[in-house]
Protein backbone atom coordinates (compact mmCIF):
# COMPACT_ATOMS: atom_id res chain seq x y z
CA MET A 1 43.44 11.43 -4.75
CA ALA A 2 44.32 13.79 -1.97
CA THR A 3 44.64 17.48 -2.74
CA GLN A 4 47.73 19.52 -1.92
CA GLN A 5 45.85 21.37 0.83
CA GLN A 6 44.88 18.13 2.55
CA ILE A 7 48.49 16.92 2.45
CA LYS A 8 49.75 20.20 3.93
CA LYS A 9 47.24 20.15 6.81
CA THR A 10 47.72 16.56 7.91
CA GLY A 11 51.14 15.71 6.55
CA LYS A 12 49.88 12.61 4.75
CA PRO A 13 47.35 12.01 2.00
CA ILE A 14 43.79 11.20 3.06
CA LYS A 15 42.49 7.89 1.79
CA ALA A 16 39.03 7.69 0.31
CA ALA A 17 36.55 6.04 2.66
CA LYS A 18 35.39 2.65 1.54
CA THR A 19 31.64 2.44 1.30
CA GLU A 20 30.01 -0.90 1.73
CA PRO A 21 26.76 -1.53 -0.06
CA ALA A 22 23.76 -1.68 2.23
CA PRO A 23 22.24 -5.12 2.60
CA LYS A 24 19.34 -5.62 0.25
CA SER A 25 15.98 -5.70 1.94
CA GLU A 26 12.63 -6.33 0.40
CA LEU A 27 10.26 -3.41 0.16
CA PHE A 28 7.33 -5.41 1.52
CA SER A 29 7.28 -8.54 3.64
CA LYS A 30 5.02 -11.52 3.23
CA GLU A 31 2.72 -10.06 5.88
CA ASN A 32 2.38 -6.80 3.92
CA TYR A 33 1.29 -8.72 0.83
CA LYS A 34 -1.21 -10.70 2.93
CA TRP A 35 -2.79 -7.45 4.16
CA MET A 36 -2.83 -6.05 0.62
CA LEU A 37 -4.67 -9.14 -0.61
CA ILE A 38 -7.21 -8.86 2.22
CA GLY A 39 -7.77 -5.18 1.35
CA LEU A 40 -8.27 -6.00 -2.34
CA VAL A 41 -10.82 -8.71 -1.51
CA ILE A 42 -12.78 -6.30 0.70
CA LEU A 43 -12.64 -3.61 -2.03
CA ALA A 44 -13.86 -6.07 -4.65
CA LEU A 45 -16.69 -7.20 -2.35
CA GLY A 46 -17.74 -3.59 -1.77
CA PHE A 47 -17.80 -2.77 -5.48
CA PHE A 48 -19.67 -6.02 -6.20
CA LEU A 49 -22.34 -5.16 -3.63
CA MET A 50 -22.68 -1.66 -5.05
CA ALA A 51 -23.17 -2.89 -8.63
CA GLY A 52 -26.48 -3.91 -10.13
CA GLY A 53 -29.94 -2.50 -9.77
CA LYS A 54 -30.70 -2.68 -13.46
CA SER A 55 -34.33 -3.28 -14.35
CA LYS A 56 -35.38 -5.55 -17.19
CA ASP A 57 -37.85 -2.90 -18.37
CA PRO A 58 -36.22 0.55 -18.81
CA ASN A 59 -39.59 2.27 -18.20
CA VAL A 60 -39.88 0.81 -14.68
CA PHE A 61 -37.95 2.39 -11.80
CA ASN A 62 -37.58 0.20 -8.73
CA ASP A 63 -36.39 2.54 -5.99
CA ALA A 64 -36.33 -0.23 -3.36
CA GLU A 65 -33.66 -2.02 -5.38
CA ILE A 66 -31.61 1.08 -6.23
CA TYR A 67 -31.72 2.65 -2.75
CA SER A 68 -31.28 -0.54 -0.74
CA THR A 69 -29.28 -0.53 2.48
CA THR A 70 -26.68 -2.75 0.87
CA ARG A 71 -25.93 -0.29 -1.94
CA ILE A 72 -26.23 2.91 0.06
CA THR A 73 -24.61 1.96 3.37
CA ILE A 74 -22.83 -1.40 3.51
CA ALA A 75 -20.95 -1.24 0.19
CA PRO A 76 -19.41 2.23 0.75
CA ILE A 77 -18.34 1.22 4.27
CA LEU A 78 -16.62 -1.87 2.84
CA ILE A 79 -14.89 0.20 0.16
CA ILE A 80 -13.59 2.76 2.66
CA GLY A 81 -12.48 -0.08 4.95
CA GLY A 82 -10.66 -1.74 2.06
CA PHE A 83 -8.78 1.47 1.28
CA ILE A 84 -7.83 1.87 4.94
CA ILE A 85 -6.49 -1.70 4.99
CA GLU A 86 -4.50 -0.99 1.80
CA ILE A 87 -2.94 2.12 3.37
CA PHE A 88 -2.10 0.11 6.49
CA ALA A 89 -0.54 -2.67 4.37
CA ILE A 90 1.65 -0.20 2.49
CA MET A 91 2.75 1.77 5.56
CA LYS A 92 3.39 -1.24 7.83
CA LYS A 93 7.12 -1.78 8.34
CA PRO A 94 8.31 -5.36 7.99
CA LYS A 95 9.63 -6.98 11.14
CA SER A 96 13.42 -7.13 11.19
CA LYS A 97 14.98 -10.56 11.35
CA SER A 98 17.41 -11.06 14.20
CA THR A 99 20.53 -13.02 13.30
């Protein structure tokens, strides 16, 4: 309803503006989910490569197996790359459809 002050200023009551609901849009597109899946696969591969190194005999320490290039260098690079891909997948804006 219009207030008395609004009626005095304009001479007629002010109608409430009609608000139309915004069209629903998905938060992520199919492409975002594809990138998220790729990032998860790379993360899983990195953690898989980092795992292991257990010796059958607890009294024997095999430093070549524990400190291998795969566990020390390649796996952490894959994990960091997977997290970067996940951030990219979340931040990427979906392409707008032209009608």
